[in-house]
């Protein structure tokens, strides 16, 4: 394998993600819960990632204030 094959091509989205501090994460969750969350986000007109981030930040603050 030469260097050309091992170098990952950078997409414009990858550059934006890096600048914005966005990373991809994978979690295992209950399938029914994940589907209900997807439907709820669609119904509310919000992206799943944005809603997850909001809930994570709220949980982080809740834990910090309980210390």
PDB file of N, CA and C in Angstrom:
ATOM      1  N   UNK A   1       0.854  -1.175   0.000  1.00  0.00           N
ATOM      2  CA  UNK A   1       0.000   0.000   0.000  1.00  0.00           C
ATOM      3  C   UNK A   1       0.900   1.238   0.000  1.00  0.00           C
ATOM      4  N   UNK A   2       0.691   2.134  -0.950  1.00  0.00           N
ATOM      5  CA  UNK A   2       1.504   3.345  -0.966  1.00  0.00           C
ATOM      6  C   UNK A   2       0.805   4.470  -0.200  1.00  0.00           C
ATOM      7  N   UNK A   3       1.487   5.567  -0.023  1.00  0.00           N
ATOM      8  CA  UNK A   3       0.940   6.681   0.764  1.00  0.00           C
ATOM      9  C   UNK A   3      -0.349   7.238   0.183  1.00  0.00           C
ATOM     10  N   UNK A   4      -0.504   7.227  -1.122  1.00  0.00           N
ATOM     11  CA  UNK A   4      -1.714   7.754  -1.745  1.00  0.00           C
ATOM     12  C   UNK A   4      -2.958   6.982  -1.297  1.00  0.00           C
ATOM     13  N   UNK A   5      -2.808   5.693  -1.043  1.00  0.00           N
ATOM     14  CA  UNK A   5      -3.940   4.872  -0.648  1.00  0.00           C
ATOM     15  C   UNK A   5      -4.284   5.041   0.828  1.00  0.00           C
ATOM     16  N   UNK A   6      -3.340   5.449   1.649  1.00  0.00           N
ATOM     17  CA  UNK A   6      -3.582   5.559   3.084  1.00  0.00           C
ATOM     18  C   UNK A   6      -4.048   6.952   3.496  1.00  0.00           C
ATOM     19  N   UNK A   7      -3.907   7.933   2.626  1.00  0.00           N
ATOM     20  CA  UNK A   7      -4.317   9.294   2.944  1.00  0.00           C
ATOM     21  C   UNK A   7      -5.822   9.433   2.697  1.00  0.00           C
ATOM     22  N   UNK A   8      -6.536   9.840   3.742  1.00  0.00           N
ATOM     23  CA  UNK A   8      -7.981  10.021   3.617  1.00  0.00           C
ATOM     24  C   UNK A   8      -8.248  11.368   2.966  1.00  0.00           C
ATOM     25  N   UNK A   9      -9.128  11.364   1.992  1.00  0.00           N
ATOM     26  CA  UNK A   9      -9.520  12.609   1.333  1.00  0.00           C
ATOM     27  C   UNK A   9     -10.359  13.433   2.302  1.00  0.00           C
ATOM     28  N   UNK A  10     -10.080  14.717   2.374  1.00  0.00           N
ATOM     29  CA  UNK A  10     -10.820  15.617   3.248  1.00  0.00           C
ATOM     30  C   UNK A  10     -11.972  16.245   2.465  1.00  0.00           C
ATOM     31  N   UNK A  11     -13.172  16.091   2.996  1.00  0.00           N
ATOM     32  CA  UNK A  11     -14.348  16.681   2.370  1.00  0.00           C
ATOM     33  C   UNK A  11     -14.604  18.054   2.990  1.00  0.00           C
ATOM     34  N   UNK A  12     -15.305  18.935   2.313  1.00  0.00           N
ATOM     35  CA  UNK A  12     -15.643  20.235   2.915  1.00  0.00           C
ATOM     36  C   UNK A  12     -16.358  20.062   4.260  1.00  0.00           C
ATOM     37  N   UNK A  13     -17.219  19.065   4.374  1.00  0.00           N
ATOM     38  CA  UNK A  13     -17.932  18.814   5.634  1.00  0.00           C
ATOM     39  C   UNK A  13     -16.952  18.461   6.749  1.00  0.00           C
ATOM     40  N   UNK A  14     -15.907  17.690   6.421  1.00  0.00           N
ATOM     41  CA  UNK A  14     -14.907  17.318   7.422  1.00  0.00           C
ATOM     42  C   UNK A  14     -14.199  18.557   7.961  1.00  0.00           C
ATOM     43  N   UNK A  15     -13.896  19.487   7.073  1.00  0.00           N
ATOM     44  CA  UNK A  15     -13.237  20.726   7.493  1.00  0.00           C
ATOM     45  C   UNK A  15     -14.154  21.534   8.406  1.00  0.00           C
ATOM     46  N   UNK A  16     -15.448  21.617   8.054  1.00  0.00           N
ATOM     47  CA  UNK A  16     -16.400  22.348   8.881  1.00  0.00           C
ATOM     48  C   UNK A  16     -16.538  21.686  10.243  1.00  0.00           C
ATOM     49  N   UNK A  17     -16.667  20.348  10.250  1.00  0.00           N
ATOM     50  CA  UNK A  17     -16.796  19.616  11.513  1.00  0.00           C
ATOM     51  C   UNK A  17     -15.614  19.896  12.434  1.00  0.00           C
ATOM     52  N   UNK A  18     -14.412  19.852  11.886  1.00  0.00           N
ATOM     53  CA  UNK A  18     -13.206  20.081  12.685  1.00  0.00           C
ATOM     54  C   UNK A  18     -13.212  21.496  13.257  1.00  0.00           C
ATOM     55  N   UNK A  19     -13.546  22.473  12.431  1.00  0.00           N
ATOM     56  CA  UNK A  19     -13.581  23.865  12.868  1.00  0.00           C
ATOM     57  C   UNK A  19     -14.642  24.066  13.951  1.00  0.00           C
ATOM     58  N   UNK A  20     -15.781  23.400  13.817  1.00  0.00           N
ATOM     59  CA  UNK A  20     -16.888  23.538  14.764  1.00  0.00           C
ATOM     60  C   UNK A  20     -16.722  22.658  16.004  1.00  0.00           C
ATOM     61  N   UNK A  21     -15.707  21.783  16.002  1.00  0.00           N
ATOM     62  CA  UNK A  21     -15.487  20.891  17.134  1.00  0.00           C
ATOM     63  C   UNK A  21     -16.471  19.735  17.180  1.00  0.00           C
ATOM     64  N   UNK A  22     -17.020  19.379  16.043  1.00  0.00           N
ATOM     65  CA  UNK A  22     -18.011  18.306  15.959  1.00  0.00           C
ATOM     66  C   UNK A  22     -17.299  16.983  15.673  1.00  0.00           C
ATOM     67  N   UNK A  23     -17.678  15.952  16.440  1.00  0.00           N
ATOM     68  CA  UNK A  23     -17.112  14.617  16.220  1.00  0.00           C
ATOM     69  C   UNK A  23     -18.250  13.614  16.062  1.00  0.00           C
ATOM     70  N   UNK A  24     -17.944  12.492  15.484  1.00  0.00           N
ATOM     71  CA  UNK A  24     -18.918  11.423  15.321  1.00  0.00           C
ATOM     72  C   UNK A  24     -18.752  10.447  16.486  1.00  0.00           C
ATOM     73  N   UNK A  25     -19.863  10.085  17.138  1.00  0.00           N
ATOM     74  CA  UNK A  25     -19.841   9.128  18.238  1.00  0.00           C
ATOM     75  C   UNK A  25     -20.831   8.019  17.937  1.00  0.00           C
ATOM     76  N   UNK A  26     -20.549   6.838  18.446  1.00  0.00           N
ATOM     77  CA  UNK A  26     -21.447   5.705  18.280  1.00  0.00           C
ATOM     78  C   UNK A  26     -21.802   5.166  19.659  1.00  0.00           C
ATOM     79  N   UNK A  27     -23.091   5.027  19.906  1.00  0.00           N
ATOM     80  CA  UNK A  27     -23.572   4.489  21.177  1.00  0.00           C
ATOM     81  C   UNK A  27     -24.534   3.352  20.898  1.00  0.00           C
ATOM     82  N   UNK A  28     -24.587   2.401  21.821  1.00  0.00           N
ATOM     83  CA  UNK A  28     -25.585   1.349  21.728  1.00  0.00           C
ATOM     84  C   UNK A  28     -26.743   1.740  22.632  1.00  0.00           C
ATOM     85  N   UNK A  29     -27.922   1.819  22.048  1.00  0.00           N
ATOM     86  CA  UNK A  29     -29.125   2.158  22.797  1.00  0.00           C
ATOM     87  C   UNK A  29     -30.245   1.215  22.393  1.00  0.00           C
ATOM     88  N   UNK A  30     -31.262   1.173  23.205  1.00  0.00           N
ATOM     89  CA  UNK A  30     -32.420   0.353  22.912  1.00  0.00           C
ATOM     90  C   UNK A  30     -33.041   0.802  21.589  1.00  0.00           C
ATOM     91  N   UNK A  31     -33.302  -0.129  20.714  1.00  0.00           N
ATOM     92  CA  UNK A  31     -33.820   0.179  19.386  1.00  0.00           C
ATOM     93  C   UNK A  31     -35.156   0.903  19.403  1.00  0.00           C
ATOM     94  N   UNK A  32     -36.066   0.477  20.286  1.00  0.00           N
ATOM     95  CA  UNK A  32     -37.384   1.114  20.378  1.00  0.00           C
ATOM     96  C   UNK A  32     -37.233   2.559  20.834  1.00  0.00           C
ATOM     97  N   UNK A  33     -36.385   2.786  21.808  1.00  0.00           N
ATOM     98  CA  UNK A  33     -36.147   4.147  22.308  1.00  0.00           C
ATOM     99  C   UNK A  33     -35.543   5.019  21.220  1.00  0.00           C
ATOM    100  N   UNK A  34     -34.579   4.474  20.489  1.00  0.00           N
ATOM    101  CA  UNK A  34     -33.935   5.238  19.422  1.00  0.00           C
ATOM    102  C   UNK A  34     -34.933   5.626  18.335  1.00  0.00           C
ATOM    103  N   UNK A  35     -35.807   4.713  17.983  1.00  0.00           N
ATOM    104  CA  UNK A  35     -36.808   5.003  16.953  1.00  0.00           C
ATOM    105  C   UNK A  35     -37.811   6.036  17.440  1.00  0.00           C
ATOM    106  N   UNK A  36     -38.246   5.911  18.686  1.00  0.00           N
ATOM    107  CA  UNK A  36     -39.180   6.892  19.242  1.00  0.00           C
ATOM    108  C   UNK A  36     -38.520   8.274  19.312  1.00  0.00           C
ATOM    109  N   UNK A  37     -37.238   8.320  19.637  1.00  0.00           N
ATOM    110  CA  UNK A  37     -36.504   9.578  19.684  1.00  0.00           C
ATOM    111  C   UNK A  37     -36.419  10.190  18.289  1.00  0.00           C
ATOM    112  N   UNK A  38     -36.138   9.369  17.281  1.00  0.00           N
ATOM    113  CA  UNK A  38     -36.070   9.848  15.903  1.00  0.00           C
ATOM    114  C   UNK A  38     -37.392  10.465  15.473  1.00  0.00           C
ATOM    115  N   UNK A  39     -38.485   9.767  15.773  1.00  0.00           N
ATOM    116  CA  UNK A  39     -39.815  10.248  15.409  1.00  0.00           C
ATOM    117  C   UNK A  39     -40.139  11.546  16.157  1.00  0.00           C
ATOM    118  N   UNK A  40     -39.821  11.593  17.450  1.00  0.00           N
ATOM    119  CA  UNK A  40     -40.101  12.789  18.258  1.00  0.00           C
ATOM    120  C   UNK A  40     -39.316  13.989  17.733  1.00  0.00           C
ATOM    121  N   UNK A  41     -38.050  13.784  17.374  1.00  0.00           N
ATOM    122  CA  UNK A  41     -37.239  14.877  16.833  1.00  0.00           C
ATOM    123  C   UNK A  41     -37.822  15.378  15.517  1.00  0.00           C
ATOM    124  N   UNK A  42     -38.228  14.442  14.664  1.00  0.00           N
ATOM    125  CA  UNK A  42     -38.823  14.833  13.382  1.00  0.00           C
ATOM    126  C   UNK A  42     -40.101  15.629  13.613  1.00  0.00           C
ATOM    127  N   UNK A  43     -40.946  15.154  14.536  1.00  0.00           N
ATOM    128  CA  UNK A  43     -42.202  15.829  14.838  1.00  0.00           C
ATOM    129  C   UNK A  43     -41.958  17.238  15.395  1.00  0.00           C
ATOM    130  N   UNK A  44     -40.905  17.383  16.211  1.00  0.00           N
ATOM    131  CA  UNK A  44     -40.575  18.682  16.808  1.00  0.00           C
ATOM    132  C   UNK A  44     -39.794  19.580  15.854  1.00  0.00           C
ATOM    133  N   UNK A  45     -39.337  19.007  14.740  1.00  0.00           N
ATOM    134  CA  UNK A  45     -38.596  19.790  13.758  1.00  0.00           C
ATOM    135  C   UNK A  45     -37.181  20.122  14.191  1.00  0.00           C
ATOM    136  N   UNK A  46     -36.575  19.228  14.995  1.00  0.00           N
ATOM    137  CA  UNK A  46     -35.187  19.437  15.439  1.00  0.00           C
ATOM    138  C   UNK A  46     -34.337  18.258  14.985  1.00  0.00           C
ATOM    139  N   UNK A  47     -33.047  18.518  14.823  1.00  0.00           N
ATOM    140  CA  UNK A  47     -32.163  17.416  14.444  1.00  0.00           C
ATOM    141  C   UNK A  47     -31.847  16.583  15.685  1.00  0.00           C
ATOM    142  N   UNK A  48     -31.617  15.315  15.467  1.00  0.00           N
ATOM    143  CA  UNK A  48     -31.300  14.424  16.577  1.00  0.00           C
ATOM    144  C   UNK A  48     -30.006  14.853  17.266  1.00  0.00           C
ATOM    145  N   UNK A  49     -28.999  15.225  16.485  1.00  0.00           N
ATOM    146  CA  UNK A  49     -27.721  15.635  17.057  1.00  0.00           C
ATOM    147  C   UNK A  49     -27.846  16.873  17.923  1.00  0.00           C
ATOM    148  N   UNK A  50     -28.608  17.848  17.453  1.00  0.00           N
ATOM    149  CA  UNK A  50     -28.815  19.074  18.224  1.00  0.00           C
ATOM    150  C   UNK A  50     -29.537  18.770  19.529  1.00  0.00           C
ATOM    151  N   UNK A  51     -30.550  17.937  19.470  1.00  0.00           N
ATOM    152  CA  UNK A  51     -31.314  17.589  20.674  1.00  0.00           C
ATOM    153  C   UNK A  51     -30.467  16.780  21.649  1.00  0.00           C
ATOM    154  N   UNK A  52     -29.682  15.846  21.139  1.00  0.00           N
ATOM    155  CA  UNK A  52     -28.797  15.069  22.014  1.00  0.00           C
ATOM    156  C   UNK A  52     -27.797  15.984  22.714  1.00  0.00           C
ATOM    157  N   UNK A  53     -27.222  16.924  21.974  1.00  0.00           N
ATOM    158  CA  UNK A  53     -26.267  17.861  22.555  1.00  0.00           C
ATOM    159  C   UNK A  53     -26.930  18.685  23.654  1.00  0.00           C
ATOM    160  N   UNK A  54     -28.137  19.161  23.395  1.00  0.00           N
ATOM    161  CA  UNK A  54     -28.876  19.951  24.392  1.00  0.00           C
ATOM    162  C   UNK A  54     -29.090  19.130  25.661  1.00  0.00           C
ATOM    163  N   UNK A  55     -29.540  17.898  25.511  1.00  0.00           N
ATOM    164  CA  UNK A  55     -29.806  17.048  26.673  1.00  0.00           C
ATOM    165  C   UNK A  55     -28.516  16.696  27.409  1.00  0.00           C
ATOM    166  N   UNK A  56     -27.432  16.465  26.665  1.00  0.00           N
ATOM    167  CA  UNK A  56     -26.140  16.187  27.302  1.00  0.00           C
ATOM    168  C   UNK A  56     -25.680  17.377  28.131  1.00  0.00           C
ATOM    169  N   UNK A  57     -25.771  18.581  27.558  1.00  0.00           N
ATOM    170  CA  UNK A  57     -25.353  19.786  28.286  1.00  0.00           C
ATOM    171  C   UNK A  57     -26.204  20.011  29.532  1.00  0.00           C
ATOM    172  N   UNK A  58     -27.500  19.780  29.433  1.00  0.00           N
ATOM    173  CA  UNK A  58     -28.375  19.913  30.600  1.00  0.00           C
ATOM    174  C   UNK A  58     -27.981  18.918  31.688  1.00  0.00           C
ATOM    175  N   UNK A  59     -27.677  17.695  31.310  1.00  0.00           N
ATOM    176  CA  UNK A  59     -27.283  16.669  32.270  1.00  0.00           C
ATOM    177  C   UNK A  59     -25.943  17.018  32.919  1.00  0.00           C
ATOM    178  N   UNK A  60     -24.995  17.498  32.119  1.00  0.00           N
ATOM    179  CA  UNK A  60     -23.687  17.902  32.642  1.00  0.00           C
ATOM    180  C   UNK A  60     -23.861  18.994  33.694  1.00  0.00           C
ATOM    181  N   UNK A  61     -24.670  20.004  33.391  1.00  0.00           N
ATOM    182  CA  UNK A  61     -24.902  21.101  34.338  1.00  0.00           C
ATOM    183  C   UNK A  61     -25.606  20.599  35.603  1.00  0.00           C
ATOM    184  N   UNK A  62     -26.559  19.691  35.456  1.00  0.00           N
ATOM    185  CA  UNK A  62     -27.260  19.126  36.591  1.00  0.00           C
ATOM    186  C   UNK A  62     -26.302  18.406  37.532  1.00  0.00           C
ATOM    187  N   UNK A  63     -25.385  17.636  36.962  1.00  0.00           N
ATOM    188  CA  UNK A  63     -24.409  16.914  37.767  1.00  0.00           C
ATOM    189  C   UNK A  63     -23.436  17.882  38.433  1.00  0.00           C
ATOM    190  N   UNK A  64     -22.999  18.898  37.694  1.00  0.00           N
ATOM    191  CA  UNK A  64     -22.082  19.880  38.265  1.00  0.00           C
ATOM    192  C   UNK A  64     -22.703  20.607  39.447  1.00  0.00           C
ATOM    193  N   UNK A  65     -23.970  20.977  39.350  1.00  0.00           N
ATOM    194  CA  UNK A  65     -24.608  21.728  40.428  1.00  0.00           C
ATOM    195  C   UNK A  65     -24.931  20.847  41.628  1.00  0.00           C
ATOM    196  N   UNK A  66     -24.972  19.527  41.425  1.00  0.00           N
ATOM    197  CA  UNK A  66     -25.260  18.628  42.539  1.00  0.00           C
ATOM    198  C   UNK A  66     -23.994  18.236  43.307  1.00  0.00           C
ATOM    199  N   UNK A  67     -22.842  18.654  42.823  1.00  0.00           N
ATOM    200  CA  UNK A  67     -21.575  18.292  43.493  1.00  0.00           C
ATOM    201  C   UNK A  67     -21.360  19.128  44.726  1.00  0.00           C
TER     202      UNK A  67
END
